[in-house]
Amino acid sequence: MRVPASFFSRAFNTMWTFLTSHAQVLLCIWRNNEMTAREIAQVVGITERNIQRIVSDLEESGYITRTREGRRNVYEIHPEVPMRHPAQQGRSIQDLLELLGSKPPKPPQNKRAR
């Protein structure tokens, strides 16, 4: 059976994914808590400005803490925080991170006091 060309143009013009951009950003931070907004934007496929907005959303909601180290941000995820949607009641974001995150976050580096 031959598939009409219009199927492909419709299918790829209305592309959707199972995970929101917020989830994608959280997973990026889980994999590497020192990624820049530019690096996250390249992985997620959205603008740096949208990444900044999402990071602010995640921080304001208590999912992450952002710490400035020099010119970079370092993120800490709070995996015990519950998911927001009622359908995931009783589940924390740790469940999502463990399911979809390919590796745990890098341990924080101990810096000696000077």
PDB file of N, CA and C in Angstrom:
ATOM      1  N   MET A   1       0.836  -1.178   0.000  1.00  0.00           N
ATOM      2  CA  MET A   1       0.000   0.000   0.000  1.00  0.00           C
ATOM      3  C   MET A   1       0.882   1.244   0.000  1.00  0.00           C
ATOM      4  N   ARG A   2       0.557   2.156  -0.827  1.00  0.00           N
ATOM      5  CA  ARG A   2       1.322   3.392  -0.937  1.00  0.00           C
ATOM      6  C   ARG A   2       0.729   4.455  -0.005  1.00  0.00           C
ATOM      7  N   VAL A   3       1.624   5.147   0.722  1.00  0.00           N
ATOM      8  CA  VAL A   3       1.185   6.197   1.645  1.00  0.00           C
ATOM      9  C   VAL A   3       1.228   7.526   0.912  1.00  0.00           C
ATOM     10  N   PRO A   4       0.135   8.287   0.940  1.00  0.00           N
ATOM     11  CA  PRO A   4       0.125   9.574   0.233  1.00  0.00           C
ATOM     12  C   PRO A   4       1.117  10.561   0.857  1.00  0.00           C
ATOM     13  N   ALA A   5       1.715  11.392   0.014  1.00  0.00           N
ATOM     14  CA  ALA A   5       2.690  12.384   0.473  1.00  0.00           C
ATOM     15  C   ALA A   5       2.075  13.326   1.494  1.00  0.00           C
ATOM     16  N   SER A   6       0.785  13.604   1.370  1.00  0.00           N
ATOM     17  CA  SER A   6       0.132  14.522   2.313  1.00  0.00           C
ATOM     18  C   SER A   6       0.181  13.988   3.746  1.00  0.00           C
ATOM     19  N   PHE A   7       0.233  12.646   3.901  1.00  0.00           N
ATOM     20  CA  PHE A   7       0.326  12.070   5.242  1.00  0.00           C
ATOM     21  C   PHE A   7       1.590  12.549   5.931  1.00  0.00           C
ATOM     22  N   PHE A   8       2.720  12.509   5.221  1.00  0.00           N
ATOM     23  CA  PHE A   8       3.990  12.894   5.824  1.00  0.00           C
ATOM     24  C   PHE A   8       4.028  14.381   6.152  1.00  0.00           C
ATOM     25  N   SER A   9       3.509  15.213   5.268  1.00  0.00           N
ATOM     26  CA  SER A   9       3.517  16.645   5.559  1.00  0.00           C
ATOM     27  C   SER A   9       2.632  16.953   6.761  1.00  0.00           C
ATOM     28  N   ARG A  10       1.484  16.291   6.867  1.00  0.00           N
ATOM     29  CA  ARG A  10       0.619  16.481   8.044  1.00  0.00           C
ATOM     30  C   ARG A  10       1.277  15.939   9.295  1.00  0.00           C
ATOM     31  N   ALA A  11       1.846  14.761   9.215  1.00  0.00           N
ATOM     32  CA  ALA A  11       2.420  14.104  10.384  1.00  0.00           C
ATOM     33  C   ALA A  11       3.588  14.890  10.963  1.00  0.00           C
ATOM     34  N   PHE A  12       4.418  15.454  10.117  1.00  0.00           N
ATOM     35  CA  PHE A  12       5.603  16.137  10.623  1.00  0.00           C
ATOM     36  C   PHE A  12       5.355  17.611  10.912  1.00  0.00           C
ATOM     37  N   ASN A  13       4.324  18.196  10.351  1.00  0.00           N
ATOM     38  CA  ASN A  13       3.992  19.588  10.658  1.00  0.00           C
ATOM     39  C   ASN A  13       3.256  19.706  11.980  1.00  0.00           C
ATOM     40  N   THR A  14       2.642  18.657  12.444  1.00  0.00           N
ATOM     41  CA  THR A  14       1.918  18.684  13.711  1.00  0.00           C
ATOM     42  C   THR A  14       2.584  17.750  14.707  1.00  0.00           C
ATOM     43  N   MET A  15       3.902  17.789  14.730  1.00  0.00           N
ATOM     44  CA  MET A  15       4.654  16.897  15.608  1.00  0.00           C
ATOM     45  C   MET A  15       4.344  17.197  17.069  1.00  0.00           C
ATOM     46  N   TRP A  16       4.129  16.165  17.845  1.00  0.00           N
ATOM     47  CA  TRP A  16       3.937  16.306  19.277  1.00  0.00           C
ATOM     48  C   TRP A  16       4.778  15.254  19.967  1.00  0.00           C
ATOM     49  N   THR A  17       5.008  15.440  21.254  1.00  0.00           N
ATOM     50  CA  THR A  17       5.807  14.484  22.020  1.00  0.00           C
ATOM     51  C   THR A  17       5.071  14.139  23.304  1.00  0.00           C
ATOM     52  N   PHE A  18       5.501  13.071  23.937  1.00  0.00           N
ATOM     53  CA  PHE A  18       4.861  12.627  25.167  1.00  0.00           C
ATOM     54  C   PHE A  18       5.260  13.465  26.375  1.00  0.00           C
ATOM     55  N   LEU A  19       6.431  14.065  26.353  1.00  0.00           N
ATOM     56  CA  LEU A  19       6.900  14.841  27.503  1.00  0.00           C
ATOM     57  C   LEU A  19       6.891  16.328  27.192  1.00  0.00           C
ATOM     58  N   THR A  20       6.522  17.122  28.175  1.00  0.00           N
ATOM     59  CA  THR A  20       6.517  18.570  28.021  1.00  0.00           C
ATOM     60  C   THR A  20       7.951  19.096  27.990  1.00  0.00           C
ATOM     61  N   SER A  21       8.093  20.326  27.585  1.00  0.00           N
ATOM     62  CA  SER A  21       9.407  20.970  27.613  1.00  0.00           C
ATOM     63  C   SER A  21       9.922  21.062  29.049  1.00  0.00           C
ATOM     64  N   HIS A  22       9.034  21.259  30.013  1.00  0.00           N
ATOM     65  CA  HIS A  22       9.457  21.302  31.414  1.00  0.00           C
ATOM     66  C   HIS A  22      10.109  19.972  31.823  1.00  0.00           C
ATOM     67  N   ALA A  23       9.497  18.878  31.430  1.00  0.00           N
ATOM     68  CA  ALA A  23      10.064  17.564  31.748  1.00  0.00           C
ATOM     69  C   ALA A  23      11.399  17.371  31.037  1.00  0.00           C
ATOM     70  N   GLN A  24      11.485  17.793  29.787  1.00  0.00           N
ATOM     71  CA  GLN A  24      12.732  17.655  29.034  1.00  0.00           C
ATOM     72  C   GLN A  24      13.862  18.447  29.693  1.00  0.00           C
ATOM     73  N   VAL A  25      13.564  19.672  30.137  1.00  0.00           N
ATOM     74  CA  VAL A  25      14.574  20.498  30.805  1.00  0.00           C
ATOM     75  C   VAL A  25      15.004  19.846  32.117  1.00  0.00           C
ATOM     76  N   LEU A  26      14.051  19.364  32.881  1.00  0.00           N
ATOM     77  CA  LEU A  26      14.365  18.701  34.140  1.00  0.00           C
ATOM     78  C   LEU A  26      15.261  17.479  33.911  1.00  0.00           C
ATOM     79  N   LEU A  27      14.974  16.707  32.878  1.00  0.00           N
ATOM     80  CA  LEU A  27      15.803  15.541  32.563  1.00  0.00           C
ATOM     81  C   LEU A  27      17.220  15.956  32.153  1.00  0.00           C
ATOM     82  N   CYS A  28      17.352  17.042  31.407  1.00  0.00           N
ATOM     83  CA  CYS A  28      18.688  17.537  31.046  1.00  0.00           C
ATOM     84  C   CYS A  28      19.485  17.904  32.291  1.00  0.00           C
ATOM     85  N   ILE A  29      18.834  18.608  33.201  1.00  0.00           N
ATOM     86  CA  ILE A  29      19.510  19.014  34.438  1.00  0.00           C
ATOM     87  C   ILE A  29      19.864  17.790  35.274  1.00  0.00           C
ATOM     88  N   TRP A  30      19.006  16.791  35.281  1.00  0.00           N
ATOM     89  CA  TRP A  30      19.268  15.538  36.010  1.00  0.00           C
ATOM     90  C   TRP A  30      20.524  14.854  35.466  1.00  0.00           C
ATOM     91  N   ARG A  31      20.665  14.863  34.155  1.00  0.00           N
ATOM     92  CA  ARG A  31      21.816  14.204  33.520  1.00  0.00           C
ATOM     93  C   ARG A  31      23.110  14.985  33.710  1.00  0.00           C
ATOM     94  N   ASN A  32      23.004  16.314  33.757  1.00  0.00           N
ATOM     95  CA  ASN A  32      24.198  17.156  33.929  1.00  0.00           C
ATOM     96  C   ASN A  32      23.757  18.470  34.566  1.00  0.00           C
ATOM     97  N   ASN A  33      23.990  18.611  35.858  1.00  0.00           N
ATOM     98  CA  ASN A  33      23.491  19.772  36.587  1.00  0.00           C
ATOM     99  C   ASN A  33      24.286  21.054  36.345  1.00  0.00           C
ATOM    100  N   GLU A  34      25.234  21.000  35.425  1.00  0.00           N
ATOM    101  CA  GLU A  34      26.013  22.195  35.094  1.00  0.00           C
ATOM    102  C   GLU A  34      25.819  22.642  33.641  1.00  0.00           C
ATOM    103  N   MET A  35      24.790  22.109  32.973  1.00  0.00           N
ATOM    104  CA  MET A  35      24.528  22.502  31.589  1.00  0.00           C
ATOM    105  C   MET A  35      24.129  23.974  31.518  1.00  0.00           C
ATOM    106  N   THR A  36      24.549  24.645  30.452  1.00  0.00           N
ATOM    107  CA  THR A  36      24.137  26.025  30.236  1.00  0.00           C
ATOM    108  C   THR A  36      22.765  26.043  29.561  1.00  0.00           C
ATOM    109  N   ALA A  37      22.128  27.208  29.595  1.00  0.00           N
ATOM    110  CA  ALA A  37      20.838  27.352  28.917  1.00  0.00           C
ATOM    111  C   ALA A  37      20.981  27.050  27.433  1.00  0.00           C
ATOM    112  N   ARG A  38      22.090  27.457  26.852  1.00  0.00           N
ATOM    113  CA  ARG A  38      22.320  27.189  25.423  1.00  0.00           C
ATOM    114  C   ARG A  38      22.412  25.685  25.155  1.00  0.00           C
ATOM    115  N   GLU A  39      23.122  24.964  26.015  1.00  0.00           N
ATOM    116  CA  GLU A  39      23.254  23.516  25.839  1.00  0.00           C
ATOM    117  C   GLU A  39      21.902  22.810  26.005  1.00  0.00           C
ATOM    118  N   ILE A  40      21.151  23.237  27.010  1.00  0.00           N
ATOM    119  CA  ILE A  40      19.827  22.645  27.227  1.00  0.00           C
ATOM    120  C   ILE A  40      18.919  22.939  26.032  1.00  0.00           C
ATOM    121  N   ALA A  41      18.975  24.173  25.529  1.00  0.00           N
ATOM    122  CA  ALA A  41      18.150  24.564  24.379  1.00  0.00           C
ATOM    123  C   ALA A  41      18.447  23.690  23.164  1.00  0.00           C
ATOM    124  N   GLN A  42      19.717  23.376  22.953  1.00  0.00           N
ATOM    125  CA  GLN A  42      20.085  22.533  21.813  1.00  0.00           C
ATOM    126  C   GLN A  42      19.526  21.128  21.964  1.00  0.00           C
ATOM    127  N   VAL A  43      19.546  20.598  23.182  1.00  0.00           N
ATOM    128  CA  VAL A  43      19.030  19.245  23.411  1.00  0.00           C
ATOM    129  C   VAL A  43      17.504  19.215  23.294  1.00  0.00           C
ATOM    130  N   VAL A  44      16.842  20.177  23.923  1.00  0.00           N
ATOM    131  CA  VAL A  44      15.378  20.185  23.978  1.00  0.00           C
ATOM    132  C   VAL A  44      14.765  20.668  22.666  1.00  0.00           C
ATOM    133  N   GLY A  45      15.468  21.556  21.971  1.00  0.00           N
ATOM    134  CA  GLY A  45      14.964  22.048  20.688  1.00  0.00           C
ATOM    135  C   GLY A  45      14.069  23.264  20.815  1.00  0.00           C
ATOM    136  N   ILE A  46      14.297  24.067  21.846  1.00  0.00           N
ATOM    137  CA  ILE A  46      13.568  25.323  22.013  1.00  0.00           C
ATOM    138  C   ILE A  46      14.582  26.436  22.267  1.00  0.00           C
ATOM    139  N   THR A  47      14.114  27.672  22.343  1.00  0.00           N
ATOM    140  CA  THR A  47      15.024  28.810  22.482  1.00  0.00           C
ATOM    141  C   THR A  47      15.601  28.906  23.896  1.00  0.00           C
ATOM    142  N   GLU A  48      16.737  29.601  23.986  1.00  0.00           N
ATOM    143  CA  GLU A  48      17.343  29.851  25.297  1.00  0.00           C
ATOM    144  C   GLU A  48      16.388  30.622  26.196  1.00  0.00           C
ATOM    145  N   ARG A  49      15.657  31.559  25.628  1.00  0.00           N
ATOM    146  CA  ARG A  49      14.704  32.349  26.416  1.00  0.00           C
ATOM    147  C   ARG A  49      13.638  31.448  27.021  1.00  0.00           C
ATOM    148  N   ASN A  50      13.144  30.487  26.258  1.00  0.00           N
ATOM    149  CA  ASN A  50      12.169  29.541  26.808  1.00  0.00           C
ATOM    150  C   ASN A  50      12.793  28.668  27.896  1.00  0.00           C
ATOM    151  N   ILE A  51      14.053  28.303  27.720  1.00  0.00           N
ATOM    152  CA  ILE A  51      14.755  27.528  28.753  1.00  0.00           C
ATOM    153  C   ILE A  51      14.815  28.342  30.037  1.00  0.00           C
ATOM    154  N   GLN A  52      15.175  29.614  29.935  1.00  0.00           N
ATOM    155  CA  GLN A  52      15.251  30.469  31.120  1.00  0.00           C
ATOM    156  C   GLN A  52      13.898  30.559  31.824  1.00  0.00           C
ATOM    157  N   ARG A  53      12.826  30.675  31.051  1.00  0.00           N
ATOM    158  CA  ARG A  53      11.483  30.745  31.630  1.00  0.00           C
ATOM    159  C   ARG A  53      11.140  29.438  32.341  1.00  0.00           C
ATOM    160  N   ILE A  54      11.458  28.317  31.707  1.00  0.00           N
ATOM    161  CA  ILE A  54      11.158  27.012  32.298  1.00  0.00           C
ATOM    162  C   ILE A  54      11.981  26.788  33.559  1.00  0.00           C
ATOM    163  N   VAL A  55      13.255  27.144  33.527  1.00  0.00           N
ATOM    164  CA  VAL A  55      14.107  27.002  34.714  1.00  0.00           C
ATOM    165  C   VAL A  55      13.530  27.844  35.856  1.00  0.00           C
ATOM    166  N   SER A  56      13.065  29.051  35.550  1.00  0.00           N
ATOM    167  CA  SER A  56      12.435  29.891  36.577  1.00  0.00           C
ATOM    168  C   SER A  56      11.168  29.234  37.126  1.00  0.00           C
ATOM    169  N   ASP A  57      10.358  28.655  36.239  1.00  0.00           N
ATOM    170  CA  ASP A  57       9.152  27.933  36.677  1.00  0.00           C
ATOM    171  C   ASP A  57       9.516  26.799  37.628  1.00  0.00           C
ATOM    172  N   LEU A  58      10.511  26.004  37.240  1.00  0.00           N
ATOM    173  CA  LEU A  58      10.930  24.859  38.049  1.00  0.00           C
ATOM    174  C   LEU A  58      11.475  25.314  39.400  1.00  0.00           C
ATOM    175  N   GLU A  59      12.204  26.421  39.395  1.00  0.00           N
ATOM    176  CA  GLU A  59      12.774  26.941  40.639  1.00  0.00           C
ATOM    177  C   GLU A  59      11.663  27.496  41.551  1.00  0.00           C
ATOM    178  N   GLU A  60      10.767  28.277  40.983  1.00  0.00           N
ATOM    179  CA  GLU A  60       9.670  28.861  41.769  1.00  0.00           C
ATOM    180  C   GLU A  60       8.751  27.791  42.356  1.00  0.00           C
ATOM    181  N   SER A  61       8.639  26.658  41.677  1.00  0.00           N
ATOM    182  CA  SER A  61       7.788  25.562  42.145  1.00  0.00           C
ATOM    183  C   SER A  61       8.507  24.620  43.107  1.00  0.00           C
ATOM    184  N   GLY A  62       9.786  24.866  43.348  1.00  0.00           N
ATOM    185  CA  GLY A  62      10.529  24.065  44.320  1.00  0.00           C
ATOM    186  C   GLY A  62      11.153  22.797  43.773  1.00  0.00           C
ATOM    187  N   TYR A  63      11.128  22.602  42.459  1.00  0.00           N
ATOM    188  CA  TYR A  63      11.705  21.389  41.872  1.00  0.00           C
ATOM    189  C   TYR A  63      13.225  21.450  41.789  1.00  0.00           C
ATOM    190  N   ILE A  64      13.764  22.657  41.639  1.00  0.00           N
ATOM    191  CA  ILE A  64      15.208  22.820  41.548  1.00  0.00           C
ATOM    192  C   ILE A  64      15.639  24.045  42.358  1.00  0.00           C
ATOM    193  N   THR A  65      16.924  24.067  42.682  1.00  0.00           N
ATOM    194  CA  THR A  65      17.567  25.247  43.240  1.00  0.00           C
ATOM    195  C   THR A  65      18.694  25.604  42.295  1.00  0.00           C
ATOM    196  N   ARG A  66      18.796  26.886  41.994  1.00  0.00           N
ATOM    197  CA  ARG A  66      19.835  27.371  41.078  1.00  0.00           C
ATOM    198  C   ARG A  66      20.847  28.142  41.908  1.00  0.00           C
ATOM    199  N   THR A  67      22.139  27.785  41.757  1.00  0.00           N
ATOM    200  CA  THR A  67      23.216  28.466  42.456  1.00  0.00           C
ATOM    201  C   THR A  67      24.202  28.994  41.434  1.00  0.00           C
ATOM    202  N   ARG A  68      24.586  30.215  41.599  1.00  0.00           N
ATOM    203  CA  ARG A  68      25.544  30.842  40.684  1.00  0.00           C
ATOM    204  C   ARG A  68      26.951  30.513  41.146  1.00  0.00           C
ATOM    205  N   GLU A  69      27.763  29.955  40.243  1.00  0.00           N
ATOM    206  CA  GLU A  69      29.173  29.697  40.512  1.00  0.00           C
ATOM    207  C   GLU A  69      29.973  30.357  39.401  1.00  0.00           C
ATOM    208  N   GLY A  70      30.536  31.507  39.720  1.00  0.00           N
ATOM    209  CA  GLY A  70      31.225  32.273  38.689  1.00  0.00           C
ATOM    210  C   GLY A  70      30.215  32.779  37.678  1.00  0.00           C
ATOM    211  N   ARG A  71      30.428  32.429  36.427  1.00  0.00           N
ATOM    212  CA  ARG A  71      29.509  32.854  35.361  1.00  0.00           C
ATOM    213  C   ARG A  71      28.472  31.793  35.016  1.00  0.00           C
ATOM    214  N   ARG A  72      28.512  30.665  35.726  1.00  0.00           N
ATOM    215  CA  ARG A  72      27.625  29.543  35.397  1.00  0.00           C
ATOM    216  C   ARG A  72      26.620  29.291  36.511  1.00  0.00           C
ATOM    217  N   ASN A  73      25.535  28.673  36.140  1.00  0.00           N
ATOM    218  CA  ASN A  73      24.557  28.185  37.113  1.00  0.00           C
ATOM    219  C   ASN A  73      24.813  26.704  37.354  1.00  0.00           C
ATOM    220  N   VAL A  74      24.641  26.296  38.590  1.00  0.00           N
ATOM    221  CA  VAL A  74      24.667  24.879  38.951  1.00  0.00           C
ATOM    222  C   VAL A  74      23.317  24.592  39.584  1.00  0.00           C
ATOM    223  N   TYR A  75      22.704  23.505  39.183  1.00  0.00           N
ATOM    224  CA  TYR A  75      21.351  23.189  39.610  1.00  0.00           C
ATOM    225  C   TYR A  75      21.338  22.004  40.558  1.00  0.00           C
ATOM    226  N   GLU A  76      20.453  22.069  41.518  1.00  0.00           N
ATOM    227  CA  GLU A  76      20.197  20.938  42.401  1.00  0.00           C
ATOM    228  C   GLU A  76      18.726  20.583  42.260  1.00  0.00           C
ATOM    229  N   ILE A  77      18.458  19.333  41.972  1.00  0.00           N
ATOM    230  CA  ILE A  77      17.077  18.865  41.835  1.00  0.00           C
ATOM    231  C   ILE A  77      16.600  18.345  43.182  1.00  0.00           C
ATOM    232  N   HIS A  78      15.356  18.632  43.505  1.00  0.00           N
ATOM    233  CA  HIS A  78      14.731  18.144  44.734  1.00  0.00           C
ATOM    234  C   HIS A  78      13.766  17.020  44.349  1.00  0.00           C
ATOM    235  N   PRO A  79      14.280  15.787  44.272  1.00  0.00           N
ATOM    236  CA  PRO A  79      13.497  14.678  43.721  1.00  0.00           C
ATOM    237  C   PRO A  79      12.281  14.280  44.545  1.00  0.00           C
ATOM    238  N   GLU A  80      12.215  14.717  45.792  1.00  0.00           N
ATOM    239  CA  GLU A  80      11.091  14.338  46.644  1.00  0.00           C
ATOM    240  C   GLU A  80       9.823  15.156  46.378  1.00  0.00           C
ATOM    241  N   VAL A  81       9.945  16.228  45.597  1.00  0.00           N
ATOM    242  CA  VAL A  81       8.797  17.090  45.325  1.00  0.00           C
ATOM    243  C   VAL A  81       7.788  16.324  44.456  1.00  0.00           C
ATOM    244  N   PRO A  82       6.511  16.391  44.823  1.00  0.00           N
ATOM    245  CA  PRO A  82       5.504  15.632  44.057  1.00  0.00           C
ATOM    246  C   PRO A  82       5.252  16.222  42.675  1.00  0.00           C
ATOM    247  N   MET A  83       4.822  15.356  41.770  1.00  0.00           N
ATOM    248  CA  MET A  83       4.396  15.815  40.451  1.00  0.00           C
ATOM    249  C   MET A  83       3.131  16.644  40.611  1.00  0.00           C
ATOM    250  N   ARG A  84       2.864  17.510  39.647  1.00  0.00           N
ATOM    251  CA  ARG A  84       1.787  18.491  39.767  1.00  0.00           C
ATOM    252  C   ARG A  84       0.412  17.982  39.341  1.00  0.00           C
ATOM    253  N   HIS A  85       0.367  17.098  38.386  1.00  0.00           N
ATOM    254  CA  HIS A  85      -0.923  16.689  37.826  1.00  0.00           C
ATOM    255  C   HIS A  85      -1.631  15.700  38.765  1.00  0.00           C
ATOM    256  N   PRO A  86      -2.945  15.855  38.951  1.00  0.00           N
ATOM    257  CA  PRO A  86      -3.693  14.946  39.831  1.00  0.00           C
ATOM    258  C   PRO A  86      -3.582  13.472  39.428  1.00  0.00           C
ATOM    259  N   ALA A  87      -3.371  13.196  38.162  1.00  0.00           N
ATOM    260  CA  ALA A  87      -3.255  11.805  37.718  1.00  0.00           C
ATOM    261  C   ALA A  87      -1.989  11.131  38.259  1.00  0.00           C
ATOM    262  N   GLN A  88      -1.005  11.928  38.669  1.00  0.00           N
ATOM    263  CA  GLN A  88       0.218  11.381  39.247  1.00  0.00           C
ATOM    264  C   GLN A  88       0.280  11.604  40.757  1.00  0.00           C
ATOM    265  N   GLN A  89      -0.879  11.770  41.366  1.00  0.00           N
ATOM    266  CA  GLN A  89      -0.934  12.001  42.808  1.00  0.00           C
ATOM    267  C   GLN A  89      -0.189  10.897  43.542  1.00  0.00           C
ATOM    268  N   GLY A  90       0.625  11.283  44.514  1.00  0.00           N
ATOM    269  CA  GLY A  90       1.393  10.314  45.291  1.00  0.00           C
ATOM    270  C   GLY A  90       2.726   9.960  44.663  1.00  0.00           C
ATOM    271  N   ARG A  91       3.042  10.537  43.525  1.00  0.00           N
ATOM    272  CA  ARG A  91       4.318  10.266  42.848  1.00  0.00           C
ATOM    273  C   ARG A  91       5.196  11.504  42.918  1.00  0.00           C
ATOM    274  N   SER A  92       6.480  11.280  43.147  1.00  0.00           N
ATOM    275  CA  SER A  92       7.426  12.391  43.150  1.00  0.00           C
ATOM    276  C   SER A  92       8.129  12.442  41.795  1.00  0.00           C
ATOM    277  N   ILE A  93       8.831  13.540  41.552  1.00  0.00           N
ATOM    278  CA  ILE A  93       9.554  13.637  40.281  1.00  0.00           C
ATOM    279  C   ILE A  93      10.697  12.630  40.220  1.00  0.00           C
ATOM    280  N   GLN A  94      11.098  12.107  41.371  1.00  0.00           N
ATOM    281  CA  GLN A  94      12.131  11.070  41.368  1.00  0.00           C
ATOM    282  C   GLN A  94      11.682   9.868  40.546  1.00  0.00           C
ATOM    283  N   ASP A  95      10.413   9.534  40.599  1.00  0.00           N
ATOM    284  CA  ASP A  95       9.892   8.416  39.801  1.00  0.00           C
ATOM    285  C   ASP A  95      10.124   8.657  38.312  1.00  0.00           C
ATOM    286  N   LEU A  96       9.837   9.879  37.866  1.00  0.00           N
ATOM    287  CA  LEU A  96      10.048  10.243  36.461  1.00  0.00           C
ATOM    288  C   LEU A  96      11.532  10.217  36.113  1.00  0.00           C
ATOM    289  N   LEU A  97      12.350  10.795  36.968  1.00  0.00           N
ATOM    290  CA  LEU A  97      13.789  10.869  36.696  1.00  0.00           C
ATOM    291  C   LEU A  97      14.417   9.485  36.636  1.00  0.00           C
ATOM    292  N   GLU A  98      14.021   8.617  37.545  1.00  0.00           N
ATOM    293  CA  GLU A  98      14.576   7.262  37.540  1.00  0.00           C
ATOM    294  C   GLU A  98      14.110   6.464  36.330  1.00  0.00           C
ATOM    295  N   LEU A  99      12.888   6.720  35.893  1.00  0.00           N
ATOM    296  CA  LEU A  99      12.355   6.006  34.737  1.00  0.00           C
ATOM    297  C   LEU A  99      13.010   6.454  33.435  1.00  0.00           C
ATOM    298  N   LEU A 100      13.170   7.765  33.261  1.00  0.00           N
ATOM    299  CA  LEU A 100      13.615   8.300  31.974  1.00  0.00           C
ATOM    300  C   LEU A 100      15.038   8.849  31.964  1.00  0.00           C
ATOM    301  N   GLY A 101      15.586   9.135  33.118  1.00  0.00           N
ATOM    302  CA  GLY A 101      16.948   9.671  33.169  1.00  0.00           C
ATOM    303  C   GLY A 101      17.948   8.566  32.917  1.00  0.00           C
ATOM    304  N   SER A 102      18.869   8.805  31.998  1.00  0.00           N
ATOM    305  CA  SER A 102      19.811   7.749  31.627  1.00  0.00           C
ATOM    306  C   SER A 102      20.898   7.547  32.660  1.00  0.00           C
ATOM    307  N   LYS A 103      21.133   8.547  33.484  1.00  0.00           N
ATOM    308  CA  LYS A 103      22.131   8.393  34.538  1.00  0.00           C
ATOM    309  C   LYS A 103      21.813   9.363  35.663  1.00  0.00           C
ATOM    310  N   PRO A 104      22.263   9.045  36.875  1.00  0.00           N
ATOM    311  CA  PRO A 104      22.003   9.957  37.991  1.00  0.00           C
ATOM    312  C   PRO A 104      22.824  11.231  37.848  1.00  0.00           C
ATOM    313  N   PRO A 105      22.460  12.271  38.587  1.00  0.00           N
ATOM    314  CA  PRO A 105      23.206  13.516  38.477  1.00  0.00           C
ATOM    315  C   PRO A 105      24.632  13.350  38.970  1.00  0.00           C
ATOM    316  N   LYS A 106      25.511  14.205  38.440  1.00  0.00           N
ATOM    317  CA  LYS A 106      26.890  14.190  38.906  1.00  0.00           C
ATOM    318  C   LYS A 106      26.905  14.639  40.364  1.00  0.00           C
ATOM    319  N   PRO A 107      27.715  13.986  41.220  1.00  0.00           N
ATOM    320  CA  PRO A 107      27.771  14.435  42.614  1.00  0.00           C
ATOM    321  C   PRO A 107      28.383  15.822  42.688  1.00  0.00           C
ATOM    322  N   PRO A 108      27.944  16.619  43.677  1.00  0.00           N
ATOM    323  CA  PRO A 108      28.527  17.963  43.788  1.00  0.00           C
ATOM    324  C   PRO A 108      30.010  17.867  44.101  1.00  0.00           C
ATOM    325  N   GLN A 109      30.760  18.795  43.539  1.00  0.00           N
ATOM    326  CA  GLN A 109      32.191  18.814  43.789  1.00  0.00           C
ATOM    327  C   GLN A 109      32.442  19.541  45.093  1.00  0.00           C
ATOM    328  N   ASN A 110      33.259  18.931  45.948  1.00  0.00           N
ATOM    329  CA  ASN A 110      33.628  19.592  47.194  1.00  0.00           C
ATOM    330  C   ASN A 110      34.724  20.596  46.900  1.00  0.00           C
ATOM    331  N   LYS A 111      34.465  21.822  47.283  1.00  0.00           N
ATOM    332  CA  LYS A 111      35.450  22.874  47.069  1.00  0.00           C
ATOM    333  C   LYS A 111      36.080  23.207  48.392  1.00  0.00           C
ATOM    334  N   ARG A 112      37.382  23.241  48.405  1.00  0.00           N
ATOM    335  CA  ARG A 112      38.084  23.562  49.643  1.00  0.00           C
ATOM    336  C   ARG A 112      37.987  25.055  49.916  1.00  0.00           C
ATOM    337  N   ALA A 113      37.820  25.378  51.176  1.00  0.00           N
ATOM    338  CA  ALA A 113      37.802  26.797  51.563  1.00  0.00           C
ATOM    339  C   ALA A 113      39.202  27.344  51.439  1.00  0.00           C
ATOM    340  N   ARG A 114      39.310  28.576  51.010  1.00  0.00           N
ATOM    341  CA  ARG A 114      40.619  29.205  50.861  1.00  0.00           C
ATOM    342  C   ARG A 114      40.921  30.084  52.038  1.00  0.00           C
TER     343      ARG A 114
END
